[in-house]
């Protein structure tokens, strides 16, 4: 599938947008995560494809409210937390509990102490604390 700017985005399975509307994340069943930088009145400025090490399709995504993290839910039940620093991206945490696909991820809109809360819904409901991006 061709994206807005002609980049290959694969079979899009889920999406999320940052609260400030400057980045759209697309999860795919083949290629990983596509991050699209957005500008009002212009559209997509650029796209970056991040390959995940997982062979399982991405089925849910959620940006943290401060946009320093992206939670990625896989069809096999794994949740990966990606950290963002400038223009670099890295896997920071693996959260393992679910035995089936992650249907929804949601970050709490505020921190408690130095932790961010993440709720995941798969074969059960789980509440996680996620460390702040350093």
N, C-alpha and C. Protein backbone atom coordinates (compact mmCIF):
# COMPACT_ATOMS: atom_id res chain seq x y z
N UNK A 1 0.84 -1.18 0.00
CA UNK A 1 0.00 0.00 0.00
C UNK A 1 0.88 1.24 0.00
N UNK A 2 0.58 2.21 -0.82
CA UNK A 2 1.32 3.46 -0.86
C UNK A 2 0.73 4.43 0.15
N UNK A 3 1.60 5.12 0.90
CA UNK A 3 1.17 6.14 1.84
C UNK A 3 0.95 7.45 1.11
N UNK A 4 0.66 8.49 1.88
CA UNK A 4 0.40 9.80 1.28
C UNK A 4 1.58 10.32 0.49
N UNK A 5 2.78 10.09 1.01
CA UNK A 5 3.95 10.62 0.33
C UNK A 5 4.65 9.56 -0.52
N UNK A 6 3.95 8.45 -0.78
CA UNK A 6 4.51 7.41 -1.64
C UNK A 6 5.33 6.37 -0.91
N UNK A 7 5.45 6.45 0.39
CA UNK A 7 6.23 5.44 1.12
C UNK A 7 5.41 4.16 1.26
N UNK A 8 6.11 3.07 1.37
CA UNK A 8 5.45 1.79 1.59
C UNK A 8 5.02 1.68 3.05
N UNK A 9 3.75 1.48 3.31
CA UNK A 9 3.29 1.35 4.68
C UNK A 9 2.74 -0.04 5.00
N UNK A 10 2.59 -0.90 4.02
CA UNK A 10 2.11 -2.24 4.28
C UNK A 10 0.63 -2.26 4.61
N UNK A 11 0.20 -3.35 5.21
CA UNK A 11 -1.19 -3.53 5.59
C UNK A 11 -1.41 -2.86 6.95
N UNK A 12 -2.02 -1.69 6.97
CA UNK A 12 -2.22 -0.93 8.21
C UNK A 12 -3.27 -1.63 9.06
N UNK A 13 -2.90 -1.92 10.31
CA UNK A 13 -3.78 -2.64 11.23
C UNK A 13 -4.30 -1.76 12.36
N UNK A 14 -3.60 -0.63 12.63
CA UNK A 14 -4.02 0.27 13.71
C UNK A 14 -3.30 1.60 13.55
N UNK A 15 -3.77 2.59 14.29
CA UNK A 15 -3.15 3.91 14.21
C UNK A 15 -3.39 4.68 15.51
N UNK A 16 -2.55 5.68 15.72
CA UNK A 16 -2.74 6.62 16.83
C UNK A 16 -2.06 7.92 16.44
N UNK A 17 -2.48 9.00 17.06
CA UNK A 17 -1.91 10.30 16.76
C UNK A 17 -1.48 10.97 18.07
N UNK A 18 -0.37 11.69 18.01
CA UNK A 18 0.08 12.41 19.21
C UNK A 18 -0.93 13.48 19.58
N UNK A 19 -0.98 13.82 20.88
CA UNK A 19 -1.94 14.83 21.35
C UNK A 19 -1.76 16.17 20.66
N UNK A 20 -0.52 16.51 20.27
CA UNK A 20 -0.29 17.79 19.59
C UNK A 20 -0.52 17.70 18.08
N UNK A 21 -0.97 16.56 17.60
CA UNK A 21 -1.31 16.31 16.18
C UNK A 21 -0.14 16.47 15.23
N UNK A 22 1.09 16.28 15.70
CA UNK A 22 2.26 16.44 14.83
C UNK A 22 2.82 15.11 14.34
N UNK A 23 2.32 14.00 14.85
CA UNK A 23 2.84 12.69 14.43
C UNK A 23 1.72 11.66 14.42
N UNK A 24 1.64 10.93 13.33
CA UNK A 24 0.70 9.83 13.17
C UNK A 24 1.51 8.54 13.15
N UNK A 25 1.16 7.59 14.00
CA UNK A 25 1.82 6.28 14.02
C UNK A 25 0.87 5.26 13.41
N UNK A 26 1.39 4.46 12.49
CA UNK A 26 0.61 3.41 11.84
C UNK A 26 1.26 2.07 12.14
N UNK A 27 0.49 1.13 12.65
CA UNK A 27 0.98 -0.23 12.87
C UNK A 27 0.60 -1.08 11.67
N UNK A 28 1.49 -2.00 11.30
CA UNK A 28 1.23 -2.85 10.15
C UNK A 28 1.40 -4.32 10.50
N UNK A 29 0.94 -5.16 9.61
CA UNK A 29 1.09 -6.60 9.83
C UNK A 29 2.41 -7.11 9.28
N UNK A 30 3.12 -6.30 8.47
CA UNK A 30 4.37 -6.77 7.88
C UNK A 30 5.59 -5.92 8.17
N UNK A 31 5.46 -4.62 8.12
CA UNK A 31 6.64 -3.75 8.08
C UNK A 31 6.98 -3.06 9.39
N UNK A 32 6.23 -3.26 10.43
CA UNK A 32 6.53 -2.59 11.70
C UNK A 32 5.68 -1.34 11.87
N UNK A 33 6.33 -0.25 12.28
CA UNK A 33 5.65 1.00 12.59
C UNK A 33 6.07 2.06 11.58
N UNK A 34 5.11 2.78 11.04
CA UNK A 34 5.41 3.94 10.20
C UNK A 34 5.03 5.19 10.97
N UNK A 35 5.99 6.08 11.16
CA UNK A 35 5.74 7.37 11.82
C UNK A 35 5.69 8.46 10.76
N UNK A 36 4.60 9.18 10.72
CA UNK A 36 4.40 10.25 9.74
C UNK A 36 4.41 11.59 10.48
N UNK A 37 5.33 12.46 10.11
CA UNK A 37 5.37 13.81 10.66
C UNK A 37 4.33 14.65 9.93
N UNK A 38 3.44 15.30 10.68
CA UNK A 38 2.33 16.03 10.10
C UNK A 38 2.46 17.53 10.32
N UNK A 39 1.92 18.30 9.40
CA UNK A 39 1.82 19.74 9.57
C UNK A 39 0.47 20.18 9.03
N UNK A 40 -0.25 20.96 9.85
CA UNK A 40 -1.57 21.45 9.47
C UNK A 40 -1.49 22.24 8.17
N UNK A 41 -2.39 21.95 7.26
CA UNK A 41 -2.44 22.65 5.99
C UNK A 41 -1.48 22.10 4.95
N UNK A 42 -0.57 21.23 5.37
CA UNK A 42 0.41 20.65 4.44
C UNK A 42 0.19 19.16 4.30
N UNK A 43 -0.04 18.49 5.41
CA UNK A 43 -0.20 17.03 5.40
C UNK A 43 1.04 16.36 5.94
N UNK A 44 1.46 15.29 5.28
CA UNK A 44 2.63 14.52 5.72
C UNK A 44 3.90 15.19 5.21
N UNK A 45 4.78 15.55 6.14
CA UNK A 45 6.07 16.13 5.76
C UNK A 45 7.10 15.06 5.46
N UNK A 46 7.13 14.01 6.29
CA UNK A 46 8.04 12.89 6.05
C UNK A 46 7.53 11.67 6.78
N UNK A 47 8.04 10.52 6.38
CA UNK A 47 7.67 9.26 7.01
C UNK A 47 8.94 8.47 7.31
N UNK A 48 8.90 7.76 8.45
CA UNK A 48 10.00 6.90 8.85
C UNK A 48 9.41 5.54 9.20
N UNK A 49 10.01 4.48 8.68
CA UNK A 49 9.56 3.13 9.02
C UNK A 49 10.51 2.57 10.06
N UNK A 50 9.94 2.11 11.18
CA UNK A 50 10.72 1.48 12.25
C UNK A 50 10.41 -0.01 12.21
N UNK A 51 11.43 -0.80 11.94
CA UNK A 51 11.24 -2.25 11.92
C UNK A 51 11.31 -2.79 13.34
N UNK A 52 10.34 -3.59 13.69
CA UNK A 52 10.36 -4.22 15.01
C UNK A 52 10.99 -5.60 14.87
N UNK A 53 11.53 -6.11 15.96
CA UNK A 53 12.14 -7.43 15.95
C UNK A 53 11.08 -8.53 15.99
N UNK A 54 9.87 -8.15 16.31
CA UNK A 54 8.77 -9.11 16.44
C UNK A 54 8.23 -9.49 15.07
N UNK A 55 7.91 -10.75 14.90
CA UNK A 55 7.27 -11.23 13.66
C UNK A 55 5.75 -11.11 13.75
N UNK A 56 5.25 -10.88 14.96
CA UNK A 56 3.81 -10.78 15.19
C UNK A 56 3.29 -9.42 14.74
N UNK A 57 2.12 -9.39 14.12
CA UNK A 57 1.52 -8.15 13.64
C UNK A 57 1.26 -7.18 14.79
N UNK A 58 1.37 -5.90 14.48
CA UNK A 58 1.03 -4.85 15.45
C UNK A 58 -0.47 -4.61 15.35
N UNK A 59 -1.15 -4.65 16.51
CA UNK A 59 -2.61 -4.53 16.50
C UNK A 59 -3.13 -3.37 17.34
N UNK A 60 -2.27 -2.70 18.11
CA UNK A 60 -2.70 -1.52 18.86
C UNK A 60 -1.50 -0.64 19.17
N UNK A 61 -1.76 0.67 19.25
CA UNK A 61 -0.72 1.67 19.49
C UNK A 61 -1.26 2.75 20.43
N UNK A 62 -0.36 3.35 21.23
CA UNK A 62 -0.75 4.49 22.07
C UNK A 62 0.47 5.33 22.36
N UNK A 63 0.38 6.65 22.12
CA UNK A 63 1.42 7.60 22.52
C UNK A 63 1.19 8.00 23.96
N UNK A 64 2.28 8.17 24.72
CA UNK A 64 2.16 8.76 26.05
C UNK A 64 1.80 10.23 25.87
N UNK A 65 1.15 10.84 26.86
CA UNK A 65 0.73 12.24 26.71
C UNK A 65 1.88 13.20 26.41
N UNK A 66 3.09 12.91 26.93
CA UNK A 66 4.23 13.79 26.64
C UNK A 66 4.96 13.38 25.36
N UNK A 67 4.46 12.36 24.67
CA UNK A 67 4.98 11.88 23.39
C UNK A 67 6.40 11.31 23.48
N UNK A 68 6.87 11.00 24.68
CA UNK A 68 8.21 10.43 24.81
C UNK A 68 8.20 8.91 24.64
N UNK A 69 7.00 8.32 24.65
CA UNK A 69 6.88 6.86 24.53
C UNK A 69 5.75 6.49 23.57
N UNK A 70 5.93 5.33 22.96
CA UNK A 70 4.88 4.74 22.14
C UNK A 70 4.72 3.30 22.60
N UNK A 71 3.52 2.94 23.06
CA UNK A 71 3.23 1.55 23.43
C UNK A 71 2.75 0.84 22.18
N UNK A 72 3.30 -0.35 21.95
CA UNK A 72 3.00 -1.13 20.75
C UNK A 72 2.49 -2.50 21.18
N UNK A 73 1.25 -2.81 20.84
CA UNK A 73 0.66 -4.10 21.18
C UNK A 73 0.67 -5.03 19.99
N UNK A 74 1.11 -6.27 20.21
CA UNK A 74 1.24 -7.25 19.14
C UNK A 74 0.13 -8.29 19.21
N UNK A 75 -0.07 -8.95 18.10
CA UNK A 75 -1.10 -10.00 18.01
C UNK A 75 -0.80 -11.17 18.95
N UNK A 76 0.49 -11.42 19.25
CA UNK A 76 0.86 -12.53 20.13
C UNK A 76 0.76 -12.18 21.61
N UNK A 77 0.29 -10.96 21.95
CA UNK A 77 0.10 -10.55 23.34
C UNK A 77 1.24 -9.75 23.93
N UNK A 78 2.34 -9.60 23.22
CA UNK A 78 3.48 -8.83 23.72
C UNK A 78 3.21 -7.33 23.58
N UNK A 79 3.67 -6.56 24.57
CA UNK A 79 3.62 -5.10 24.51
C UNK A 79 5.06 -4.60 24.56
N UNK A 80 5.44 -3.78 23.61
CA UNK A 80 6.76 -3.16 23.59
C UNK A 80 6.59 -1.66 23.83
N UNK A 81 7.46 -1.10 24.67
CA UNK A 81 7.47 0.34 24.90
C UNK A 81 8.67 0.92 24.17
N UNK A 82 8.41 1.83 23.25
CA UNK A 82 9.45 2.51 22.49
C UNK A 82 9.67 3.89 23.08
N UNK A 83 10.91 4.30 23.21
CA UNK A 83 11.25 5.64 23.67
C UNK A 83 11.71 6.50 22.52
N UNK A 84 11.40 7.78 22.58
CA UNK A 84 11.78 8.73 21.54
C UNK A 84 12.66 9.81 22.14
N UNK A 85 13.75 10.08 21.49
CA UNK A 85 14.65 11.16 21.90
C UNK A 85 15.14 11.84 20.64
N UNK A 86 14.63 13.04 20.40
CA UNK A 86 14.97 13.73 19.15
C UNK A 86 14.45 12.95 17.97
N UNK A 87 15.35 12.52 17.10
CA UNK A 87 14.94 11.74 15.93
C UNK A 87 15.33 10.27 16.06
N UNK A 88 15.73 9.84 17.27
CA UNK A 88 16.08 8.43 17.45
C UNK A 88 14.98 7.70 18.23
N UNK A 89 14.87 6.41 17.95
CA UNK A 89 13.83 5.58 18.53
C UNK A 89 14.49 4.31 19.06
N UNK A 90 14.05 3.83 20.21
CA UNK A 90 14.61 2.59 20.73
C UNK A 90 13.58 1.85 21.58
N UNK A 91 13.67 0.52 21.52
CA UNK A 91 12.83 -0.31 22.37
C UNK A 91 13.35 -0.20 23.79
N UNK A 92 12.48 0.12 24.75
CA UNK A 92 12.92 0.32 26.13
C UNK A 92 12.44 -0.77 27.08
N UNK A 93 11.24 -1.28 26.87
CA UNK A 93 10.67 -2.26 27.78
C UNK A 93 9.82 -3.26 27.02
N UNK A 94 9.79 -4.49 27.53
CA UNK A 94 8.86 -5.50 27.05
C UNK A 94 7.92 -5.81 28.21
N UNK A 95 6.64 -5.81 27.94
CA UNK A 95 5.64 -6.15 28.96
C UNK A 95 4.96 -7.44 28.53
N UNK A 96 5.09 -8.47 29.36
CA UNK A 96 4.57 -9.79 29.01
C UNK A 96 3.55 -10.22 30.06
N UNK A 97 2.34 -10.48 29.64
CA UNK A 97 1.28 -11.00 30.50
C UNK A 97 0.20 -11.66 29.66
N UNK A 98 -0.20 -10.96 28.61
CA UNK A 98 -1.33 -11.40 27.80
C UNK A 98 -0.97 -12.63 26.96
N UNK A 99 -1.95 -13.49 26.78
CA UNK A 99 -1.76 -14.69 25.97
C UNK A 99 -2.48 -14.59 24.62
N UNK A 100 -3.14 -13.46 24.40
CA UNK A 100 -3.80 -13.23 23.12
C UNK A 100 -3.55 -11.78 22.70
N UNK A 101 -4.03 -11.41 21.53
CA UNK A 101 -3.72 -10.10 20.98
C UNK A 101 -4.14 -8.95 21.90
N UNK A 102 -3.38 -7.88 21.81
CA UNK A 102 -3.66 -6.67 22.58
C UNK A 102 -4.71 -5.87 21.81
N UNK A 103 -5.90 -5.75 22.37
CA UNK A 103 -6.98 -5.06 21.67
C UNK A 103 -6.95 -3.56 21.86
N UNK A 104 -6.43 -3.10 23.01
CA UNK A 104 -6.38 -1.66 23.23
C UNK A 104 -5.28 -1.32 24.23
N UNK A 105 -4.65 -0.17 24.01
CA UNK A 105 -3.65 0.40 24.91
C UNK A 105 -4.03 1.84 25.19
N UNK A 106 -3.84 2.29 26.43
CA UNK A 106 -4.18 3.66 26.79
C UNK A 106 -3.27 4.13 27.92
N UNK A 107 -2.56 5.24 27.68
CA UNK A 107 -1.77 5.86 28.74
C UNK A 107 -2.67 6.77 29.56
N UNK A 108 -2.44 6.79 30.88
CA UNK A 108 -3.13 7.75 31.74
C UNK A 108 -2.63 9.14 31.37
N UNK A 109 -3.47 10.16 31.50
CA UNK A 109 -3.08 11.51 31.07
C UNK A 109 -2.13 12.22 32.03
N UNK A 110 -1.71 11.58 33.12
CA UNK A 110 -0.82 12.24 34.07
C UNK A 110 0.11 11.21 34.70
N UNK A 111 1.20 11.68 35.29
CA UNK A 111 2.13 10.82 36.00
C UNK A 111 1.78 10.79 37.47
N UNK A 112 2.10 9.67 38.11
CA UNK A 112 1.99 9.56 39.56
C UNK A 112 3.40 9.27 40.04
N UNK A 113 3.99 10.22 40.77
CA UNK A 113 5.41 10.10 41.11
C UNK A 113 6.24 10.25 39.86
N UNK A 114 7.12 9.30 39.62
CA UNK A 114 7.93 9.35 38.40
C UNK A 114 7.49 8.28 37.41
N UNK A 115 6.27 7.82 37.54
CA UNK A 115 5.76 6.74 36.69
C UNK A 115 4.58 7.19 35.85
N UNK A 116 4.50 6.61 34.68
CA UNK A 116 3.38 6.78 33.77
C UNK A 116 2.58 5.49 33.82
N UNK A 117 1.27 5.57 33.84
CA UNK A 117 0.41 4.39 33.89
C UNK A 117 -0.08 4.04 32.49
N UNK A 118 -0.07 2.75 32.20
CA UNK A 118 -0.54 2.23 30.92
C UNK A 118 -1.56 1.13 31.20
N UNK A 119 -2.70 1.20 30.52
CA UNK A 119 -3.72 0.17 30.64
C UNK A 119 -3.71 -0.63 29.34
N UNK A 120 -3.73 -1.96 29.47
CA UNK A 120 -3.79 -2.82 28.28
C UNK A 120 -4.99 -3.76 28.41
N UNK A 121 -5.58 -4.03 27.28
CA UNK A 121 -6.73 -4.94 27.22
C UNK A 121 -6.42 -6.02 26.19
N UNK A 122 -6.35 -7.25 26.65
CA UNK A 122 -6.13 -8.40 25.79
C UNK A 122 -7.07 -9.49 26.25
N UNK A 123 -6.49 -10.61 26.71
CA UNK A 123 -7.32 -11.66 27.29
C UNK A 123 -7.73 -11.31 28.71
N UNK A 124 -7.15 -10.21 29.23
CA UNK A 124 -7.49 -9.68 30.56
C UNK A 124 -7.17 -8.18 30.55
N UNK A 125 -7.58 -7.50 31.56
CA UNK A 125 -7.26 -6.08 31.73
C UNK A 125 -6.03 -5.99 32.63
N UNK A 126 -5.05 -5.18 32.23
CA UNK A 126 -3.84 -5.03 33.03
C UNK A 126 -3.49 -3.55 33.15
N UNK A 127 -2.95 -3.17 34.31
CA UNK A 127 -2.48 -1.81 34.54
C UNK A 127 -0.98 -1.91 34.84
N UNK A 128 -0.19 -1.16 34.09
CA UNK A 128 1.26 -1.20 34.18
C UNK A 128 1.79 0.15 34.61
N UNK A 129 2.94 0.16 35.29
CA UNK A 129 3.68 1.40 35.49
C UNK A 129 4.84 1.36 34.52
N UNK A 130 5.03 2.48 33.84
CA UNK A 130 6.07 2.57 32.82
C UNK A 130 7.04 3.66 33.24
N UNK A 131 8.33 3.34 33.28
CA UNK A 131 9.32 4.31 33.70
C UNK A 131 9.40 5.49 32.75
N UNK A 132 9.73 6.62 33.31
CA UNK A 132 9.88 7.83 32.52
C UNK A 132 11.07 7.70 31.59
N UNK A 133 10.96 8.21 30.38
CA UNK A 133 12.04 8.18 29.41
C UNK A 133 13.20 9.04 29.92
N UNK A 134 14.39 8.49 29.96
CA UNK A 134 15.56 9.22 30.46
C UNK A 134 16.23 9.99 29.35
